[in-house]
Amino acid sequence: MGNHSPSDLKALLTSEERPQVDRFFFKHSDLASTTAETYSASWADFLSWCASHNHESIPASHDTIADYLEDRRHYSLSTIRNRLSAISFVHKHLGLGDPTSGGRAAEVRKGITQEKREEETQSPSEQLAGRAYSPSEIIGGGLSVLKDYLSDLRDGDASGVGAEGSPQRDRWESWRGRHEQARETWLDPLISVDEASPIKMTEGQRKLIPDPAFSLSVMRNRAVLLLMATGGLSRPETARMDLVDIVVEDDRLLAGVRRKNGMPDRALHVRKSEELGMCPVRAICAWIVGAGLVGGPLFRAFDAHGNMKSSRIGLSSINRIVQNAAEVGGLDPEDWTPSRLQSAP
């Protein structure tokens, strides 16, 4: 710890000023720069969560870590590991016990790790299946079909998803709990609401949108392009959206947007269009129902053979979607980037 006492370091680590937190990781920890950057962001997220939930960050208890993990279970497994590594590092550096390795914290961590690994290895045919929909229903059904589909997943007969205690049943119950928690978040009156409307689209943006087709890749690409163009979303904001961030409320669709640290930022009120080809609501609904999504990332990657994967879409894939759409639409791909697509006229 050099010439700095544990109390001095604790003051840095619990400061509300991010530069003070950075100072500890970059100046007093002897970590490599990339590790220091990761740990600083991870610790800042934990610190923010503790402040908003009235928990003590140093020393943190096993129960605090367990509650934090439950609230952050929508993160990827690698992000969760980074968060826990940073918390563990801070406590060990200050000569304190590791709050991430015992009690409820260890139990919750084990459960989330198992759940994430099952999601990564689960193929679409193994996912929980609602009733079948026709191609026309999927492409044009919009909110009514999505509402029905999500109701089947959220409120359906649990006997259809495995016996009590089975992995399938546990996944179903876990998804239902996360869905309700996220729904309450995005409907909270303190969350700001922006408009995502096709009226905002320029003629060039309209030319980027592929015609509707009963194809998983086309349905995904249409949903990505329309959501970015109408809602002004960046690539990272689009990529980190999860299925639980989509909320059907009466006759409107809300899409929750999260910050880099996973905290809620704003909710988009996605508006319908009478024109099927330019309707972001029906495009999003078609992708979710057509792909049979039951949880995890909203927008998925595809392998080289065109098969949908369980992993999140990459930022480079969004680049290719925009440039390919520009080329097909008769536009110059060099002139069209995701940042231009998200720009309001």
Foldseek 3Di string as FASTA:
>chain_A
DPPDALVRLVCLLLDPDLVSLLCCLVPPQPDDPVLSVLLSLLSNLLSVVCVVVVADLVVGALVSLLVVCLVVLLDALVSNVSNLVSSQSSQVVSVHDRRCCDDSNVVSNVVSVVLNVCLQPDALVNADFDDDDDLCCLLPVFLVVLVVRVCCLQVNDLVSQDDPPDPRSVNSVSLNVLLVVLQCVQPDPVAAEAEQELVQADPLLLLLQDADDLALVNLLLNLLLSCLQRVLDFLVQQQSFKPSQWDRDPPWIWGWTADPSRHTHHIYTQDADPDSSNGNRSSLSSNCNSSVDNIHTSRFDADPVRGTGSDTDDSVVNQVSRLVSCVVSVHHSVVDGSNVSSDGD
